[in-house]
Amino acid sequence: MKEFLANKGGLAALQPTTRFALALFLVFALASYGVMVALGLQRSGLSPESIALYYGGATPDEAKSSGELLETTHFHLFAMPMQLFVLGHVFLLGRAKERWRLGVVLACFAGAALDLAAPWLVQGLGPGWAWSKIAARALLAPTMLVLTVLPLVELARGPSSAKA
């Protein structure tokens, strides 16, 4: 465990009120992940076929319009980087080794970028690109959980975790 931790106080060194506010933010972030998963399952499902059908439609007339994709992409290009910036910043303040922390943050942003590109890939290059949405989810979901759960655990442990 020592090799995994950096030699510093991490989040436990923050003021109690700051730890409290961060913990509340992280709990809300976890709730938003639950909603995100439910929404993804309801709308496009988990299989390449259901994803291709959701974005490409059964016929060209049923496909998502470029206007719908632009609207969704526009909103997510503002919201996702801001959410990941805050989560990444909190995570980078933690005690885990810096190189590992940077890798997790980079993987999370890469997953978000692929998640934004996937609908366009399915529509522009065909249903075979539905795998890109699955890959994005496989990269984004676990890294977002790591960015949230590890700091939450560290915050819950409080100042005593700074002595480990």
Foldseek 3Di string as FASTA:
>chain_A
DVLFFAQFQFPLPDDLVVLVVLLVVLVVLVVVLVVVVVVCCVQQRQDLVSNLCNACNPDNVGHDDVVNLVVVLVVLVPPVVVVLVVLLVSQCSGTTDNVVSVVLSVLQVVLSVLCSCQSVCCHPVHSVSSVSNNVSCVRNVVSSCVSRVVSSVSSVVHRVVSVD
